[in-house]
């Protein structure tokens, strides 16, 4: 199946204790494409997107499936933006299988928060990541923080 099968997705979500969320998605006044994006976002947030792809939508693991995931999420985010709601953040589809099973070490902190942060960071484009890194370095006390103009290259000095 090339297109994410909504009926199977709803059944899968209901079987994973997401009945309330699935019902909300089913009743949203949006297109089927945006509805698929909302479903992908729900499954990614619940850490079950990889399992859904493996069990119910093997085409989701293909290159065209990954392209579809990006399109679904983009359409859902257009709807969300029009309503002033925060965007869905999903890891790069090709990384879903790698990061759905990620478990942080106990020293890092609460697994829920760590997973949420990792998911959001992985969804950033290079420019957004550079901005985040710059803010992080400033917050950690570095001065004269600035990007060199190329993604991933920074100049900074320790404070003091």
C-alpha atoms as a PDB file:
ATOM      1  CA  UNK A   1       0.000   0.000   0.000  1.00  0.00           C
ATOM      2  CA  UNK A   2       1.600   3.251  -1.118  1.00  0.00           C
ATOM      3  CA  UNK A   3      -0.650   5.565   0.911  1.00  0.00           C
ATOM      4  CA  UNK A   4      -0.720   5.387   4.711  1.00  0.00           C
ATOM      5  CA  UNK A   5      -3.874   3.343   5.406  1.00  0.00           C
ATOM      6  CA  UNK A   6      -5.977   5.436   7.781  1.00  0.00           C
ATOM      7  CA  UNK A   7      -8.353   2.626   8.791  1.00  0.00           C
ATOM      8  CA  UNK A   8      -5.420   0.408   9.757  1.00  0.00           C
ATOM      9  CA  UNK A   9      -3.771   3.353  11.502  1.00  0.00           C
ATOM     10  CA  UNK A  10      -6.879   4.053  13.560  1.00  0.00           C
ATOM     11  CA  UNK A  11      -7.153   0.401  14.535  1.00  0.00           C
ATOM     12  CA  UNK A  12      -3.441   0.310  15.399  1.00  0.00           C
ATOM     13  CA  UNK A  13      -3.753   3.464  17.532  1.00  0.00           C
ATOM     14  CA  UNK A  14      -6.810   2.145  19.337  1.00  0.00           C
ATOM     15  CA  UNK A  15      -4.914  -1.069  20.099  1.00  0.00           C
ATOM     16  CA  UNK A  16      -2.105   0.998  21.632  1.00  0.00           C
ATOM     17  CA  UNK A  17      -4.262   2.923  24.114  1.00  0.00           C
ATOM     18  CA  UNK A  18      -4.605   5.987  21.880  1.00  0.00           C
ATOM     19  CA  UNK A  19      -8.382   5.733  21.434  1.00  0.00           C
ATOM     20  CA  UNK A  20      -9.089   9.304  22.607  1.00  0.00           C
ATOM     21  CA  UNK A  21      -6.382  10.812  20.386  1.00  0.00           C
ATOM     22  CA  UNK A  22      -7.472   8.750  17.367  1.00  0.00           C
ATOM     23  CA  UNK A  23     -11.072   9.867  17.880  1.00  0.00           C
ATOM     24  CA  UNK A  24      -9.910  13.507  17.953  1.00  0.00           C
ATOM     25  CA  UNK A  25      -7.978  13.055  14.701  1.00  0.00           C
ATOM     26  CA  UNK A  26     -10.948  11.358  13.030  1.00  0.00           C
ATOM     27  CA  UNK A  27     -13.164  14.340  13.864  1.00  0.00           C
ATOM     28  CA  UNK A  28     -10.806  17.123  12.768  1.00  0.00           C
ATOM     29  CA  UNK A  29     -12.099  19.233   9.850  1.00  0.00           C
ATOM     30  CA  UNK A  30      -9.059  18.494   7.667  1.00  0.00           C
ATOM     31  CA  UNK A  31      -8.127  16.705   4.470  1.00  0.00           C
ATOM     32  CA  UNK A  32      -7.167  13.024   4.501  1.00  0.00           C
ATOM     33  CA  UNK A  33      -3.551  14.018   3.788  1.00  0.00           C
ATOM     34  CA  UNK A  34      -3.438  16.278   6.857  1.00  0.00           C
ATOM     35  CA  UNK A  35      -5.220  13.566   8.870  1.00  0.00           C
ATOM     36  CA  UNK A  36      -2.398  11.191   7.940  1.00  0.00           C
ATOM     37  CA  UNK A  37       0.086  13.810   9.159  1.00  0.00           C
ATOM     38  CA  UNK A  38      -1.691  14.104  12.490  1.00  0.00           C
ATOM     39  CA  UNK A  39      -1.631  10.317  12.801  1.00  0.00           C
ATOM     40  CA  UNK A  40       2.092  10.144  11.988  1.00  0.00           C
ATOM     41  CA  UNK A  41       2.750  12.833  14.608  1.00  0.00           C
ATOM     42  CA  UNK A  42       0.710  10.948  17.191  1.00  0.00           C
ATOM     43  CA  UNK A  43       2.527   7.680  16.524  1.00  0.00           C
ATOM     44  CA  UNK A  44       5.956   9.346  16.515  1.00  0.00           C
ATOM     45  CA  UNK A  45       5.206  11.053  19.824  1.00  0.00           C
ATOM     46  CA  UNK A  46       4.033   7.771  21.327  1.00  0.00           C
ATOM     47  CA  UNK A  47       7.164   5.980  20.049  1.00  0.00           C
ATOM     48  CA  UNK A  48       5.178   3.539  17.917  1.00  0.00           C
ATOM     49  CA  UNK A  49       5.686   4.888  14.396  1.00  0.00           C
ATOM     50  CA  UNK A  50       8.385   2.330  13.612  1.00  0.00           C
ATOM     51  CA  UNK A  51       6.149  -0.501  14.776  1.00  0.00           C
ATOM     52  CA  UNK A  52       3.192   0.809  12.755  1.00  0.00           C
ATOM     53  CA  UNK A  53       5.333   0.966   9.620  1.00  0.00           C
ATOM     54  CA  UNK A  54       6.660  -2.553  10.189  1.00  0.00           C
ATOM     55  CA  UNK A  55       3.257  -4.087  10.960  1.00  0.00           C
ATOM     56  CA  UNK A  56       0.737  -2.143   8.889  1.00  0.00           C
ATOM     57  CA  UNK A  57       2.478   0.019   6.294  1.00  0.00           C
ATOM     58  CA  UNK A  58       5.747  -1.464   4.980  1.00  0.00           C
ATOM     59  CA  UNK A  59       5.773   1.076   2.144  1.00  0.00           C
ATOM     60  CA  UNK A  60       6.353   3.719   4.822  1.00  0.00           C
ATOM     61  CA  UNK A  61       9.928   2.455   5.118  1.00  0.00           C
ATOM     62  CA  UNK A  62      10.652   3.061   1.416  1.00  0.00           C
ATOM     63  CA  UNK A  63      11.996   6.281  -0.055  1.00  0.00           C
ATOM     64  CA  UNK A  64       8.565   7.158  -1.478  1.00  0.00           C
ATOM     65  CA  UNK A  65       7.009   6.361   1.908  1.00  0.00           C
ATOM     66  CA  UNK A  66       9.446   8.717   3.605  1.00  0.00           C
ATOM     67  CA  UNK A  67       8.520  11.421   1.109  1.00  0.00           C
ATOM     68  CA  UNK A  68       4.851  10.780   1.869  1.00  0.00           C
ATOM     69  CA  UNK A  69       5.469  11.107   5.618  1.00  0.00           C
ATOM     70  CA  UNK A  70       7.073  14.517   5.092  1.00  0.00           C
ATOM     71  CA  UNK A  71       4.132  15.606   2.890  1.00  0.00           C
ATOM     72  CA  UNK A  72       1.559  14.387   5.416  1.00  0.00           C
ATOM     73  CA  UNK A  73       3.229  16.253   8.265  1.00  0.00           C
ATOM     74  CA  UNK A  74       3.645  19.407   6.156  1.00  0.00           C
ATOM     75  CA  UNK A  75      -0.092  19.431   5.349  1.00  0.00           C
ATOM     76  CA  UNK A  76      -1.044  18.812   8.981  1.00  0.00           C
ATOM     77  CA  UNK A  77       1.252  21.657  10.051  1.00  0.00           C
ATOM     78  CA  UNK A  78      -0.361  24.029   7.530  1.00  0.00           C
ATOM     79  CA  UNK A  79      -3.697  23.316   9.202  1.00  0.00           C
ATOM     80  CA  UNK A  80      -2.200  23.719  12.669  1.00  0.00           C
ATOM     81  CA  UNK A  81      -0.545  27.012  11.737  1.00  0.00           C
ATOM     82  CA  UNK A  82      -3.891  28.405  10.498  1.00  0.00           C
ATOM     83  CA  UNK A  83      -5.341  27.639  13.944  1.00  0.00           C
ATOM     84  CA  UNK A  84      -2.339  28.970  15.895  1.00  0.00           C
ATOM     85  CA  UNK A  85      -1.403  25.495  17.144  1.00  0.00           C
ATOM     86  CA  UNK A  86       2.164  24.234  17.583  1.00  0.00           C
ATOM     87  CA  UNK A  87       3.573  22.174  14.705  1.00  0.00           C
ATOM     88  CA  UNK A  88       3.983  18.433  14.649  1.00  0.00           C
ATOM     89  CA  UNK A  89       7.636  17.527  15.032  1.00  0.00           C
ATOM     90  CA  UNK A  90       8.640  14.150  13.643  1.00  0.00           C
ATOM     91  CA  UNK A  91      12.186  12.853  13.199  1.00  0.00           C
ATOM     92  CA  UNK A  92      13.476  12.550   9.686  1.00  0.00           C
ATOM     93  CA  UNK A  93      11.480   9.588   8.338  1.00  0.00           C
ATOM     94  CA  UNK A  94      14.635   7.693   7.380  1.00  0.00           C
ATOM     95  CA  UNK A  95      15.732   7.974  11.025  1.00  0.00           C
ATOM     96  CA  UNK A  96      12.463   6.690  12.495  1.00  0.00           C
ATOM     97  CA  UNK A  97      13.671   3.137  12.826  1.00  0.00           C
ATOM     98  CA  UNK A  98      16.909   4.295  14.405  1.00  0.00           C
ATOM     99  CA  UNK A  99      15.358   6.600  17.020  1.00  0.00           C
ATOM    100  CA  UNK A 100      12.025   4.994  17.947  1.00  0.00           C
ATOM    101  CA  UNK A 101      13.953   2.462  20.010  1.00  0.00           C
ATOM    102  CA  UNK A 102      16.379   4.981  21.558  1.00  0.00           C
ATOM    103  CA  UNK A 103      16.545   4.771  25.345  1.00  0.00           C
ATOM    104  CA  UNK A 104      18.584   7.419  27.194  1.00  0.00           C
ATOM    105  CA  UNK A 105      20.951   6.383  29.928  1.00  0.00           C
ATOM    106  CA  UNK A 106      19.739   7.017  33.481  1.00  0.00           C
ATOM    107  CA  UNK A 107      22.389   9.715  33.986  1.00  0.00           C
ATOM    108  CA  UNK A 108      20.900  11.900  31.236  1.00  0.00           C
ATOM    109  CA  UNK A 109      17.567  12.481  32.918  1.00  0.00           C
ATOM    110  CA  UNK A 110      13.921  11.593  32.587  1.00  0.00           C
ATOM    111  CA  UNK A 111      13.434   9.333  29.552  1.00  0.00           C
ATOM    112  CA  UNK A 112      10.198  11.070  28.458  1.00  0.00           C
ATOM    113  CA  UNK A 113      11.787  14.515  28.387  1.00  0.00           C
ATOM    114  CA  UNK A 114      14.988  13.260  26.802  1.00  0.00           C
ATOM    115  CA  UNK A 115      13.075  11.439  24.052  1.00  0.00           C
ATOM    116  CA  UNK A 116      10.927  14.501  23.365  1.00  0.00           C
ATOM    117  CA  UNK A 117      13.976  16.757  23.119  1.00  0.00           C
ATOM    118  CA  UNK A 118      15.836  14.306  20.904  1.00  0.00           C
ATOM    119  CA  UNK A 119      12.833  13.955  18.612  1.00  0.00           C
ATOM    120  CA  UNK A 120      12.500  17.723  18.271  1.00  0.00           C
ATOM    121  CA  UNK A 121      16.232  18.288  17.733  1.00  0.00           C
ATOM    122  CA  UNK A 122      16.400  15.591  15.050  1.00  0.00           C
ATOM    123  CA  UNK A 123      13.534  17.280  13.206  1.00  0.00           C
ATOM    124  CA  UNK A 124      15.422  20.601  12.893  1.00  0.00           C
ATOM    125  CA  UNK A 125      16.929  21.619   9.586  1.00  0.00           C
ATOM    126  CA  UNK A 126      20.643  22.615   9.652  1.00  0.00           C
ATOM    127  CA  UNK A 127      19.896  26.332   9.997  1.00  0.00           C
ATOM    128  CA  UNK A 128      17.498  25.781  12.884  1.00  0.00           C
ATOM    129  CA  UNK A 129      20.006  23.473  14.562  1.00  0.00           C
ATOM    130  CA  UNK A 130      22.739  26.117  14.243  1.00  0.00           C
ATOM    131  CA  UNK A 131      20.465  28.687  15.913  1.00  0.00           C
ATOM    132  CA  UNK A 132      19.686  26.250  18.712  1.00  0.00           C
ATOM    133  CA  UNK A 133      23.380  25.470  19.187  1.00  0.00           C
ATOM    134  CA  UNK A 134      24.222  29.173  19.352  1.00  0.00           C
ATOM    135  CA  UNK A 135      21.599  29.776  22.031  1.00  0.00           C
ATOM    136  CA  UNK A 136      22.842  26.749  23.966  1.00  0.00           C
ATOM    137  CA  UNK A 137      26.451  27.984  23.889  1.00  0.00           C
ATOM    138  CA  UNK A 138      25.385  31.455  25.077  1.00  0.00           C
ATOM    139  CA  UNK A 139      23.313  29.913  27.891  1.00  0.00           C
ATOM    140  CA  UNK A 140      26.362  27.863  28.947  1.00  0.00           C
ATOM    141  CA  UNK A 141      28.380  31.059  29.348  1.00  0.00           C
ATOM    142  CA  UNK A 142      30.311  31.334  26.105  1.00  0.00           C
ATOM    143  CA  UNK A 143      30.772  34.801  24.662  1.00  0.00           C
ATOM    144  CA  UNK A 144      31.161  36.092  21.127  1.00  0.00           C
ATOM    145  CA  UNK A 145      29.117  33.195  19.795  1.00  0.00           C
ATOM    146  CA  UNK A 146      28.549  33.386  16.067  1.00  0.00           C
ATOM    147  CA  UNK A 147      28.171  31.074  13.137  1.00  0.00           C
ATOM    148  CA  UNK A 148      30.834  31.334  10.460  1.00  0.00           C
ATOM    149  CA  UNK A 149      28.258  31.210   7.693  1.00  0.00           C
ATOM    150  CA  UNK A 150      28.559  27.509   6.964  1.00  0.00           C
ATOM    151  CA  UNK A 151      26.318  24.981   8.669  1.00  0.00           C
ATOM    152  CA  UNK A 152      28.085  23.353  11.601  1.00  0.00           C
ATOM    153  CA  UNK A 153      30.946  25.874  11.886  1.00  0.00           C
ATOM    154  CA  UNK A 154      31.075  28.103  14.948  1.00  0.00           C
ATOM    155  CA  UNK A 155      33.394  30.601  16.578  1.00  0.00           C
ATOM    156  CA  UNK A 156      33.060  31.179  20.322  1.00  0.00           C
ATOM    157  CA  UNK A 157      35.136  32.086  23.367  1.00  0.00           C
ATOM    158  CA  UNK A 158      34.723  30.903  26.947  1.00  0.00           C
ATOM    159  CA  UNK A 159      33.545  33.691  29.267  1.00  0.00           C
ATOM    160  CA  UNK A 160      36.023  34.972  31.756  1.00  0.00           C
END
